N, C-alpha and C. Protein backbone atom coordinates (compact mmCIF):
# COMPACT_ATOMS: atom_id res chain seq x y z
N UNK A 1 0.84 -1.21 0.06
CA UNK A 1 -0.24 0.00 -0.17
C UNK A 1 0.94 1.24 -0.05
N UNK A 2 2.15 1.02 0.27
CA UNK A 2 3.09 2.32 0.33
C UNK A 2 3.04 3.07 -1.02
N UNK A 3 3.31 2.53 -2.07
CA UNK A 3 3.27 2.99 -3.35
C UNK A 3 1.86 3.41 -3.70
N UNK A 4 0.72 2.81 -3.29
CA UNK A 4 -0.67 3.17 -3.69
C UNK A 4 -0.68 4.63 -2.89
N UNK A 5 -0.30 4.76 -1.61
CA UNK A 5 -0.56 6.02 -1.00
C UNK A 5 0.33 7.15 -1.56
N UNK A 6 1.56 6.94 -1.92
CA UNK A 6 2.34 7.87 -2.57
C UNK A 6 1.53 8.31 -3.79
N UNK A 7 1.10 7.49 -4.60
CA UNK A 7 0.48 8.04 -5.83
C UNK A 7 -0.61 8.66 -5.47
N UNK A 8 -1.49 8.29 -4.64
CA UNK A 8 -2.87 8.93 -4.34
C UNK A 8 -2.62 10.48 -3.72
N UNK A 9 -1.23 10.55 -3.07
CA UNK A 9 -0.97 11.97 -2.66
C UNK A 9 0.04 12.69 -3.69
N UNK A 10 0.63 12.13 -4.44
CA UNK A 10 1.58 12.90 -5.35
C UNK A 10 1.12 12.76 -6.89
N UNK A 11 0.37 11.87 -7.15
CA UNK A 11 -0.07 11.47 -8.54
C UNK A 11 -1.15 12.36 -9.24
N UNK A 12 -1.64 13.12 -8.43
CA UNK A 12 -2.71 14.04 -8.96
C UNK A 12 -2.17 15.56 -8.95
N UNK A 13 -0.96 15.81 -8.68
CA UNK A 13 -0.35 17.13 -8.74
C UNK A 13 -0.39 17.87 -10.00
N UNK A 14 0.12 18.94 -10.01
CA UNK A 14 0.22 19.58 -11.22
C UNK A 14 1.25 18.82 -12.13
N UNK A 15 1.04 19.00 -13.59
CA UNK A 15 1.75 18.38 -14.52
C UNK A 15 2.58 19.54 -15.34
N UNK A 16 4.06 19.55 -15.26
CA UNK A 16 4.71 20.60 -15.96
C UNK A 16 4.58 20.37 -17.46
N UNK A 17 4.11 21.46 -18.15
CA UNK A 17 4.10 21.44 -19.60
C UNK A 17 5.45 21.58 -20.21
N UNK A 18 6.33 22.15 -19.60
CA UNK A 18 7.57 22.43 -20.13
C UNK A 18 8.58 22.10 -18.94
N UNK A 19 9.78 21.38 -19.21
CA UNK A 19 10.72 21.14 -18.25
C UNK A 19 11.70 22.36 -18.32
N UNK A 20 11.83 23.00 -17.00
CA UNK A 20 12.87 23.96 -16.85
C UNK A 20 13.73 23.47 -15.81
N UNK A 21 13.33 22.93 -14.69
CA UNK A 21 14.23 22.45 -13.69
C UNK A 21 14.33 20.93 -13.85
N UNK A 22 15.63 20.38 -13.78
CA UNK A 22 15.97 18.89 -13.83
C UNK A 22 16.53 18.55 -12.47
N UNK A 23 16.01 17.51 -11.76
CA UNK A 23 16.85 17.04 -10.64
C UNK A 23 17.51 15.61 -11.08
N UNK A 24 18.76 15.74 -10.93
CA UNK A 24 19.70 14.70 -11.01
C UNK A 24 19.54 13.93 -9.86
N UNK A 25 19.15 12.74 -9.61
CA UNK A 25 19.05 11.95 -8.51
C UNK A 25 20.35 11.18 -8.24
N UNK A 26 21.00 11.64 -7.32
CA UNK A 26 22.40 11.17 -7.00
C UNK A 26 22.64 9.67 -6.48
N UNK A 27 23.49 9.13 -7.07
CA UNK A 27 23.90 7.72 -6.48
C UNK A 27 24.77 7.77 -5.45
N UNK A 28 24.56 6.89 -4.23
CA UNK A 28 25.31 6.79 -3.14
C UNK A 28 26.76 6.82 -3.47
N UNK A 29 27.65 7.63 -2.71
CA UNK A 29 29.07 7.77 -3.06
C UNK A 29 29.87 6.93 -2.03
N UNK A 30 29.85 5.60 -2.24
CA UNK A 30 30.72 4.84 -1.33
C UNK A 30 31.35 3.57 -2.03
N UNK A 31 31.99 2.86 -1.28
CA UNK A 31 32.81 1.95 -1.95
C UNK A 31 32.09 0.58 -2.35
N UNK A 32 31.06 0.51 -2.18
CA UNK A 32 30.14 -0.86 -2.43
C UNK A 32 29.99 -0.90 -3.76
N UNK A 33 30.25 -2.09 -4.41
CA UNK A 33 29.90 -2.16 -5.91
C UNK A 33 28.84 -3.24 -5.91
N UNK A 34 27.60 -2.59 -6.22
CA UNK A 34 26.37 -3.56 -6.21
C UNK A 34 26.12 -4.35 -7.38
N UNK A 35 25.56 -5.41 -7.41
CA UNK A 35 25.39 -6.04 -8.61
C UNK A 35 23.99 -6.32 -9.08
N UNK A 36 23.20 -5.11 -8.76
CA UNK A 36 21.83 -5.25 -9.06
C UNK A 36 21.51 -4.86 -10.64
N UNK A 37 22.23 -4.06 -11.25
CA UNK A 37 22.26 -3.60 -12.64
C UNK A 37 23.59 -3.17 -13.20
N UNK A 38 23.64 -2.89 -14.29
CA UNK A 38 24.81 -2.37 -15.07
C UNK A 38 25.04 -0.81 -14.50
N UNK A 39 26.20 -0.65 -14.16
CA UNK A 39 26.84 0.62 -13.71
C UNK A 39 26.55 0.91 -12.26
N UNK A 40 26.23 -0.15 -11.40
CA UNK A 40 25.85 0.18 -9.94
C UNK A 40 27.35 0.29 -9.20
N UNK A 41 28.04 1.38 -9.64
CA UNK A 41 29.16 1.63 -8.62
C UNK A 41 29.27 3.05 -8.91
N UNK A 42 29.84 3.90 -7.72
CA UNK A 42 29.75 5.23 -7.61
C UNK A 42 30.60 5.85 -8.77
N UNK A 43 31.75 5.34 -9.05
CA UNK A 43 32.70 5.92 -9.95
C UNK A 43 31.97 6.15 -11.33
N UNK A 44 31.17 4.81 -11.79
CA UNK A 44 30.61 5.16 -13.06
C UNK A 44 29.46 6.07 -13.09
N UNK A 45 28.85 6.03 -11.83
CA UNK A 45 27.67 7.04 -11.74
C UNK A 45 28.13 8.63 -11.62
N UNK A 46 29.26 8.73 -10.86
CA UNK A 46 29.62 10.13 -10.46
C UNK A 46 30.20 10.69 -11.92
N UNK A 47 30.94 9.93 -12.79
CA UNK A 47 31.15 10.39 -14.09
C UNK A 47 30.04 10.63 -14.78
N UNK A 48 29.13 9.84 -14.72
CA UNK A 48 27.90 9.90 -15.53
C UNK A 48 27.08 11.30 -15.23
N UNK A 49 26.91 11.48 -13.71
CA UNK A 49 26.21 12.61 -13.23
C UNK A 49 26.82 13.97 -13.44
N UNK A 50 28.04 13.90 -13.39
CA UNK A 50 28.79 15.23 -13.79
C UNK A 50 28.59 15.63 -15.25
N UNK A 51 28.79 14.75 -16.16
CA UNK A 51 28.43 15.09 -17.55
C UNK A 51 27.01 15.37 -17.80
N UNK A 52 26.09 14.68 -17.08
CA UNK A 52 24.63 14.93 -17.42
C UNK A 52 24.54 16.48 -16.95
N UNK A 53 24.98 16.85 -15.66
CA UNK A 53 24.89 18.04 -15.13
C UNK A 53 25.23 19.26 -16.14
N UNK A 54 26.56 18.98 -16.71
CA UNK A 54 27.10 19.90 -17.51
C UNK A 54 26.01 19.91 -19.02
N UNK A 55 25.81 18.85 -19.30
CA UNK A 55 24.82 18.89 -20.42
C UNK A 55 23.66 19.59 -20.35
N UNK A 56 23.03 19.35 -19.10
CA UNK A 56 21.76 20.06 -18.84
C UNK A 56 21.94 21.40 -18.75
N UNK A 57 22.97 21.92 -18.09
CA UNK A 57 23.30 23.41 -17.94
C UNK A 57 23.46 23.98 -19.44
N UNK A 58 24.22 23.34 -20.17
CA UNK A 58 24.35 23.89 -21.49
C UNK A 58 23.19 23.86 -22.41
N UNK A 59 22.21 23.13 -22.15
CA UNK A 59 21.05 23.05 -22.88
C UNK A 59 19.88 24.19 -22.19
N UNK A 60 20.39 25.02 -21.06
CA UNK A 60 19.57 25.89 -20.58
C UNK A 60 18.58 25.58 -19.39
N UNK A 61 18.89 24.19 -18.76
CA UNK A 61 18.09 24.05 -17.84
C UNK A 61 18.76 24.34 -16.39
N UNK A 62 17.74 24.73 -15.44
CA UNK A 62 18.24 24.73 -14.03
C UNK A 62 18.44 23.49 -13.45
N UNK A 63 19.56 23.01 -12.98
CA UNK A 63 19.89 21.65 -12.51
C UNK A 63 19.98 21.67 -10.94
N UNK A 64 19.38 20.63 -10.48
CA UNK A 64 19.46 20.53 -8.94
C UNK A 64 20.07 19.07 -8.94
N UNK A 65 20.94 18.86 -7.97
CA UNK A 65 21.55 17.75 -7.73
C UNK A 65 21.21 17.33 -6.34
N UNK A 66 20.27 16.12 -6.27
CA UNK A 66 19.81 15.57 -5.04
C UNK A 66 20.79 14.58 -4.76
N UNK A 67 21.56 14.94 -3.82
CA UNK A 67 22.70 13.82 -3.15
C UNK A 67 21.96 12.78 -2.37
N UNK A 68 22.51 11.73 -2.39
CA UNK A 68 22.24 10.68 -1.63
C UNK A 68 22.49 10.98 -0.03
N UNK A 69 21.45 11.01 0.88
CA UNK A 69 21.54 11.40 2.09
C UNK A 69 22.70 11.00 3.16
N UNK A 70 23.02 9.69 2.74
CA UNK A 70 24.07 8.84 3.44
C UNK A 70 25.53 9.27 3.10
N UNK A 71 25.61 10.07 1.95
CA UNK A 71 26.99 10.33 1.54
C UNK A 71 27.32 11.75 1.35
N UNK A 72 26.74 12.51 2.32
CA UNK A 72 26.85 14.15 2.34
C UNK A 72 28.13 14.42 2.27
N UNK A 73 29.09 14.10 2.92
CA UNK A 73 30.27 14.54 3.17
C UNK A 73 31.06 14.09 1.98
N UNK A 74 30.85 12.93 1.29
CA UNK A 74 31.60 12.59 0.11
C UNK A 74 31.18 13.39 -1.14
N UNK A 75 30.00 14.10 -1.18
CA UNK A 75 29.62 14.82 -2.17
C UNK A 75 30.02 16.41 -2.04
N UNK A 76 30.25 16.99 -1.02
CA UNK A 76 30.59 18.18 -0.73
C UNK A 76 31.70 18.78 -1.60
N UNK A 77 31.39 19.65 -2.38
CA UNK A 77 32.26 20.43 -3.19
C UNK A 77 32.46 19.77 -4.76
N UNK A 78 32.08 18.71 -4.90
CA UNK A 78 32.07 17.93 -6.12
C UNK A 78 31.29 18.77 -7.27
N UNK A 79 30.10 19.02 -6.88
CA UNK A 79 29.08 19.73 -7.76
C UNK A 79 29.00 21.21 -7.78
N UNK A 80 30.05 21.81 -6.97
CA UNK A 80 29.92 23.23 -6.84
C UNK A 80 30.40 23.83 -8.17
N UNK A 81 29.57 24.96 -8.56
CA UNK A 81 29.75 25.60 -9.86
C UNK A 81 29.30 24.93 -11.25
N UNK A 82 28.78 23.59 -10.88
CA UNK A 82 28.39 22.84 -12.00
C UNK A 82 26.80 22.77 -12.00
N UNK A 83 26.21 22.59 -10.86
CA UNK A 83 24.74 22.63 -10.65
C UNK A 83 24.38 23.99 -10.06
N UNK A 84 23.06 24.24 -10.19
CA UNK A 84 22.52 25.41 -9.55
C UNK A 84 22.18 25.17 -8.03
N UNK A 85 22.03 23.98 -7.40
CA UNK A 85 21.57 23.73 -6.29
C UNK A 85 21.86 22.25 -5.78
N UNK A 86 22.40 21.96 -4.77
CA UNK A 86 22.62 20.65 -4.18
C UNK A 86 21.70 20.37 -3.01
N UNK A 87 20.87 19.35 -3.12
CA UNK A 87 20.15 19.13 -1.85
C UNK A 87 20.45 17.82 -1.30
N UNK A 88 20.51 18.12 0.13
CA UNK A 88 20.68 16.82 1.07
C UNK A 88 19.64 16.22 1.70
N UNK A 89 18.42 17.05 1.60
CA UNK A 89 17.30 16.70 2.35
C UNK A 89 16.58 15.36 1.63
N UNK A 90 15.91 14.63 2.50
CA UNK A 90 15.05 13.37 1.67
C UNK A 90 14.41 13.67 0.67
N UNK A 91 14.51 12.89 -0.32
CA UNK A 91 13.81 12.95 -1.56
C UNK A 91 12.25 13.26 -1.31
N UNK A 92 11.71 12.61 -0.47
CA UNK A 92 10.31 12.90 -0.32
C UNK A 92 9.77 14.11 0.20
N UNK A 93 10.73 14.91 0.66
CA UNK A 93 10.38 16.31 1.23
C UNK A 93 10.94 17.33 0.03
N UNK A 94 11.60 16.81 -0.90
CA UNK A 94 11.98 18.05 -2.02
C UNK A 94 11.52 17.57 -3.31
N UNK A 95 11.04 16.55 -3.60
CA UNK A 95 10.60 16.23 -4.96
C UNK A 95 9.70 17.28 -5.72
N UNK A 96 8.84 18.03 -5.02
CA UNK A 96 8.21 18.94 -5.53
C UNK A 96 8.88 20.37 -6.06
N UNK A 97 10.46 20.30 -5.67
CA UNK A 97 11.11 21.45 -6.04
C UNK A 97 11.66 21.61 -7.45
N UNK A 98 11.09 20.49 -8.36
CA UNK A 98 11.54 20.35 -9.65
C UNK A 98 10.61 19.89 -10.75
N UNK A 99 10.90 20.19 -12.00
CA UNK A 99 9.73 19.77 -13.06
C UNK A 99 9.94 18.41 -13.32
N UNK A 100 11.28 17.91 -13.14
CA UNK A 100 11.46 16.56 -13.76
C UNK A 100 12.73 15.71 -13.02
N UNK A 101 12.83 14.49 -13.29
CA UNK A 101 14.10 13.77 -12.60
C UNK A 101 14.88 13.03 -13.61
N UNK A 102 16.06 13.06 -13.36
CA UNK A 102 16.93 12.10 -14.23
C UNK A 102 17.53 11.01 -13.17
N UNK A 103 17.47 9.85 -13.76
CA UNK A 103 18.02 8.82 -12.91
C UNK A 103 19.16 8.02 -13.79
N UNK A 104 20.34 7.75 -13.04
CA UNK A 104 21.31 7.20 -13.85
C UNK A 104 21.04 5.73 -13.65
N UNK A 105 20.21 5.12 -12.89
CA UNK A 105 19.88 3.90 -12.91
C UNK A 105 18.56 3.63 -12.30
N UNK A 106 17.75 2.57 -12.27
CA UNK A 106 16.45 2.45 -11.71
C UNK A 106 16.47 1.83 -10.24
N UNK A 107 17.68 1.59 -9.73
CA UNK A 107 17.91 0.81 -8.49
C UNK A 107 17.65 1.74 -7.29
N UNK A 108 17.57 2.98 -7.44
CA UNK A 108 17.46 3.99 -6.43
C UNK A 108 16.26 3.73 -5.66
N UNK A 109 16.14 3.76 -4.45
CA UNK A 109 14.97 3.64 -3.57
C UNK A 109 13.88 4.64 -3.98
N UNK A 110 14.29 5.88 -4.31
CA UNK A 110 13.43 6.86 -4.73
C UNK A 110 12.84 6.68 -5.89
N UNK A 111 13.30 5.86 -6.81
CA UNK A 111 12.67 5.75 -8.20
C UNK A 111 11.36 5.22 -8.09
N UNK A 112 10.92 4.35 -7.20
CA UNK A 112 9.56 3.86 -7.00
C UNK A 112 8.76 5.07 -6.52
N UNK A 113 9.25 5.88 -5.77
CA UNK A 113 8.41 7.08 -5.29
C UNK A 113 8.23 7.96 -6.44
N UNK A 114 9.30 8.40 -7.30
CA UNK A 114 9.26 9.12 -8.43
C UNK A 114 8.06 8.71 -9.36
N UNK A 115 8.18 7.30 -9.70
CA UNK A 115 7.09 6.90 -10.57
C UNK A 115 5.51 7.23 -10.04
N UNK A 116 5.48 7.38 -8.78
CA UNK A 116 4.00 7.91 -8.48
C UNK A 116 3.83 9.17 -8.65
N UNK A 117 4.63 9.99 -8.87
CA UNK A 117 4.18 11.45 -9.07
C UNK A 117 3.94 11.85 -10.65
N UNK A 118 3.58 12.79 -10.84
CA UNK A 118 3.09 13.41 -12.27
C UNK A 118 4.42 13.84 -12.87
N UNK A 119 5.66 13.93 -12.40
CA UNK A 119 6.80 14.44 -13.00
C UNK A 119 7.42 13.76 -14.08
N UNK A 120 7.89 14.17 -15.15
CA UNK A 120 8.58 13.47 -16.22
C UNK A 120 9.72 12.75 -15.43
N UNK A 121 9.95 11.62 -16.07
CA UNK A 121 11.26 10.74 -15.54
C UNK A 121 12.11 10.54 -16.72
N UNK A 122 13.37 10.65 -16.85
CA UNK A 122 14.28 10.52 -17.84
C UNK A 122 15.27 9.48 -17.24
N UNK A 123 15.25 8.19 -17.75
CA UNK A 123 16.10 6.92 -17.06
C UNK A 123 17.16 6.55 -18.02
N UNK A 124 18.55 6.66 -17.61
CA UNK A 124 19.60 6.34 -18.26
C UNK A 124 19.49 4.74 -18.25
N UNK A 125 19.34 4.18 -19.63
CA UNK A 125 19.07 2.79 -19.92
C UNK A 125 20.25 2.17 -20.35
N UNK A 126 20.86 1.53 -19.49
CA UNK A 126 22.33 1.01 -19.97
C UNK A 126 22.22 -0.40 -20.47
N UNK A 127 22.81 -0.46 -21.68
CA UNK A 127 22.81 -1.78 -22.45
C UNK A 127 23.42 -2.74 -21.66
N UNK A 128 22.57 -3.97 -21.41
CA UNK A 128 22.95 -5.19 -20.64
C UNK A 128 22.47 -5.31 -19.36
N UNK A 129 21.51 -4.18 -19.02
CA UNK A 129 20.72 -4.38 -17.85
C UNK A 129 19.71 -5.45 -18.11
N UNK A 130 19.62 -6.34 -17.14
CA UNK A 130 18.40 -7.24 -17.23
C UNK A 130 17.26 -6.87 -16.82
N UNK A 131 16.26 -7.01 -17.80
CA UNK A 131 14.89 -6.44 -17.46
C UNK A 131 13.90 -7.42 -17.68
N UNK A 132 13.01 -7.48 -16.84
CA UNK A 132 11.56 -8.41 -16.94
C UNK A 132 11.09 -7.59 -18.30
N UNK A 133 10.68 -8.28 -19.40
CA UNK A 133 10.37 -7.69 -20.41
C UNK A 133 9.01 -6.95 -20.42
N UNK A 134 8.05 -7.66 -19.74
CA UNK A 134 6.67 -7.00 -19.43
C UNK A 134 6.91 -5.52 -18.72
N UNK A 135 7.72 -5.67 -17.72
CA UNK A 135 7.98 -4.43 -16.80
C UNK A 135 8.60 -3.44 -17.75
N UNK A 136 9.68 -3.89 -18.46
CA UNK A 136 10.21 -2.88 -19.21
C UNK A 136 9.38 -2.28 -20.25
N UNK A 137 8.53 -3.06 -20.86
CA UNK A 137 7.66 -2.43 -21.77
C UNK A 137 6.67 -1.36 -21.13
N UNK A 138 6.21 -1.59 -20.07
CA UNK A 138 5.42 -0.64 -19.20
C UNK A 138 6.10 0.41 -18.77
N UNK A 139 7.20 0.28 -18.40
CA UNK A 139 8.20 1.45 -17.83
C UNK A 139 8.52 2.42 -18.88
N UNK A 140 8.65 1.73 -20.29
CA UNK A 140 8.97 2.87 -21.36
C UNK A 140 7.82 3.79 -21.56
N UNK A 141 6.63 3.37 -21.08
CA UNK A 141 5.56 4.21 -21.29
C UNK A 141 5.42 5.19 -20.28
N UNK A 142 6.11 5.06 -19.19
CA UNK A 142 6.16 5.96 -17.98
C UNK A 142 7.43 6.96 -18.00
N UNK A 143 8.41 6.36 -18.49
CA UNK A 143 9.79 7.06 -18.56
C UNK A 143 10.29 7.49 -19.87
N UNK A 144 11.22 8.49 -20.06
CA UNK A 144 11.78 8.45 -21.39
C UNK A 144 13.11 7.75 -20.98
N UNK A 145 13.28 6.58 -21.75
CA UNK A 145 14.50 5.73 -21.60
C UNK A 145 15.49 6.23 -22.58
N UNK A 146 16.64 6.65 -21.98
CA UNK A 146 17.75 7.24 -22.80
C UNK A 146 18.88 6.23 -22.78
N UNK A 147 19.04 5.60 -24.18
CA UNK A 147 19.79 4.66 -24.49
C UNK A 147 21.44 4.96 -23.99
N UNK A 148 22.00 4.02 -23.39
CA UNK A 148 23.50 4.13 -22.90
C UNK A 148 24.22 2.95 -22.86
N UNK A 149 25.60 3.00 -22.90
CA UNK A 149 26.48 1.78 -22.97
C UNK A 149 27.61 2.21 -22.41
N UNK A 150 28.41 1.18 -21.99
CA UNK A 150 29.88 1.45 -21.49
C UNK A 150 30.78 1.43 -22.93
N UNK A 151 31.61 2.35 -22.94
CA UNK A 151 32.53 2.65 -23.98
C UNK A 151 33.84 2.00 -23.60
N UNK A 152 34.77 2.01 -24.64
CA UNK A 152 36.15 1.44 -24.43
C UNK A 152 36.94 1.83 -23.21
N UNK A 153 36.56 2.92 -22.59
CA UNK A 153 37.23 3.42 -21.40
C UNK A 153 36.41 3.29 -20.08
N UNK A 154 35.43 2.27 -20.02
CA UNK A 154 34.57 1.87 -19.16
C UNK A 154 33.71 3.12 -18.48
N UNK A 155 33.35 4.07 -19.48
CA UNK A 155 32.44 5.06 -18.94
C UNK A 155 31.12 4.96 -19.72
N UNK A 156 30.04 5.28 -18.94
CA UNK A 156 28.74 5.16 -19.48
C UNK A 156 28.43 6.38 -20.45
N UNK A 157 28.32 5.83 -21.81
CA UNK A 157 27.96 7.06 -22.79
C UNK A 157 26.48 7.00 -23.02
N UNK A 158 25.78 8.10 -22.94
CA UNK A 158 24.39 8.26 -23.32
C UNK A 158 24.03 8.92 -24.44
N UNK A 159 22.79 8.87 -25.02
CA UNK A 159 22.45 9.48 -26.14
C UNK A 159 22.06 10.93 -25.81
N UNK A 160 22.96 11.95 -25.81
CA UNK A 160 22.75 13.23 -25.35
C UNK A 160 21.76 14.02 -26.12
N UNK A 161 21.88 13.85 -27.40
CA UNK A 161 20.86 14.43 -28.42
C UNK A 161 19.34 13.94 -28.10
N UNK A 162 19.10 12.76 -27.84
CA UNK A 162 17.79 12.43 -27.56
C UNK A 162 17.38 12.98 -26.30
N UNK A 163 18.21 12.84 -25.17
CA UNK A 163 17.74 13.45 -23.96
C UNK A 163 17.61 14.92 -23.97
N UNK A 164 18.36 15.70 -24.78
CA UNK A 164 18.17 17.28 -24.90
C UNK A 164 16.75 17.34 -25.87
N UNK A 165 16.61 16.65 -26.76
CA UNK A 165 15.28 16.67 -27.53
C UNK A 165 14.01 16.54 -26.78
N UNK A 166 14.21 15.50 -25.98
CA UNK A 166 12.95 15.06 -25.25
C UNK A 166 12.91 16.12 -23.92
N UNK A 167 13.75 16.79 -23.50
CA UNK A 167 13.81 17.76 -22.37
C UNK A 167 13.11 19.03 -23.21
N UNK A 168 13.41 19.37 -24.23
CA UNK A 168 13.21 20.68 -24.85
C UNK A 168 11.53 20.63 -25.60
N UNK A 169 11.21 19.21 -25.61
CA UNK A 169 9.76 19.11 -26.04
C UNK A 169 8.76 19.20 -25.10
N UNK A 170 7.43 19.53 -25.39
CA UNK A 170 6.46 19.53 -24.15
C UNK A 170 6.49 18.06 -23.71
N UNK A 171 6.51 17.97 -22.37
CA UNK A 171 6.19 16.70 -21.59
C UNK A 171 5.00 15.89 -21.82
N UNK A 172 4.97 14.80 -21.93
CA UNK A 172 3.65 14.08 -22.00
C UNK A 172 3.14 13.75 -20.64
N UNK A 173 1.93 13.73 -20.44
CA UNK A 173 1.31 13.30 -19.23
C UNK A 173 1.80 12.04 -18.89
N UNK A 174 1.92 11.48 -17.57
CA UNK A 174 2.67 10.38 -17.27
C UNK A 174 1.53 9.06 -17.59
N UNK A 175 2.03 8.11 -17.85
CA UNK A 175 1.25 6.71 -17.90
C UNK A 175 1.60 5.89 -16.63
N UNK A 176 0.55 5.52 -16.05
CA UNK A 176 0.71 4.84 -14.62
C UNK A 176 0.45 3.20 -14.92
N UNK A 177 0.77 2.63 -15.99
CA UNK A 177 0.34 1.32 -16.22
C UNK A 177 1.53 0.51 -15.34
N UNK A 178 2.81 1.05 -15.31
CA UNK A 178 3.67 0.16 -14.72
C UNK A 178 3.36 0.21 -13.22
N UNK A 179 3.08 1.32 -12.50
CA UNK A 179 2.77 1.54 -11.13
C UNK A 179 1.70 0.70 -10.76
N UNK A 180 0.51 0.77 -11.55
CA UNK A 180 -0.54 -0.17 -11.32
C UNK A 180 -0.57 -1.60 -11.26
N UNK A 181 0.39 -2.09 -12.29
CA UNK A 181 0.71 -3.38 -12.51
C UNK A 181 1.79 -3.89 -11.45
N UNK A 182 2.77 -3.39 -11.29
CA UNK A 182 3.95 -3.89 -10.50
C UNK A 182 4.07 -3.45 -8.97
N UNK A 183 3.45 -2.33 -8.63
CA UNK A 183 3.75 -1.68 -7.39
C UNK A 183 2.51 -1.51 -6.68
N UNK A 184 1.36 -1.76 -6.94
CA UNK A 184 0.19 -1.79 -6.16
C UNK A 184 -0.14 -3.14 -5.73
N UNK A 185 -0.64 -3.23 -4.34
CA UNK A 185 -0.91 -4.46 -3.98
C UNK A 185 -1.97 -5.30 -4.64
N UNK A 186 -1.85 -6.66 -4.80
CA UNK A 186 -2.82 -7.42 -5.46
C UNK A 186 -4.12 -7.40 -4.79
N UNK A 187 -5.15 -7.34 -5.55
CA UNK A 187 -6.59 -7.30 -5.03
C UNK A 187 -7.15 -8.77 -4.75
């Protein structure tokens, strides 16, 4: 019922027609290398997040970096002068401060919360990530999937042109089929 409650509270809010403010949802900056999906290591994600921030600023967006709350000290100073604002407060208390979200992967605990809101979501979709096909097909209806892959230098390269064009176009109202199918309790 947690996600249903979130959706009932946040899924009826105003829908931004144009995306001006973008929140990059930060990855935890720690030494643990998770095995959940491709790119689940802070060095991969930090490099990606810095390039995302620069690209978004260059395209004229206001950029908010939402740092993972457990790694506040590790993040200090890294994004200074690159983003407009760095937030350390819990995601659930600050999600209204932006028009949209960019996630470097879908393994963040805040990803499920974000899906329940009306805000556009842009997900870096790294080649090689293992998806349940039914879930993936529905997730593509909710999120803009930005194709990405590791290059020969072990860096995540994403389709910057696609992301820029989707951010500059009017956002589409969210499709909640994924949320309803996979995140609401069974009746």
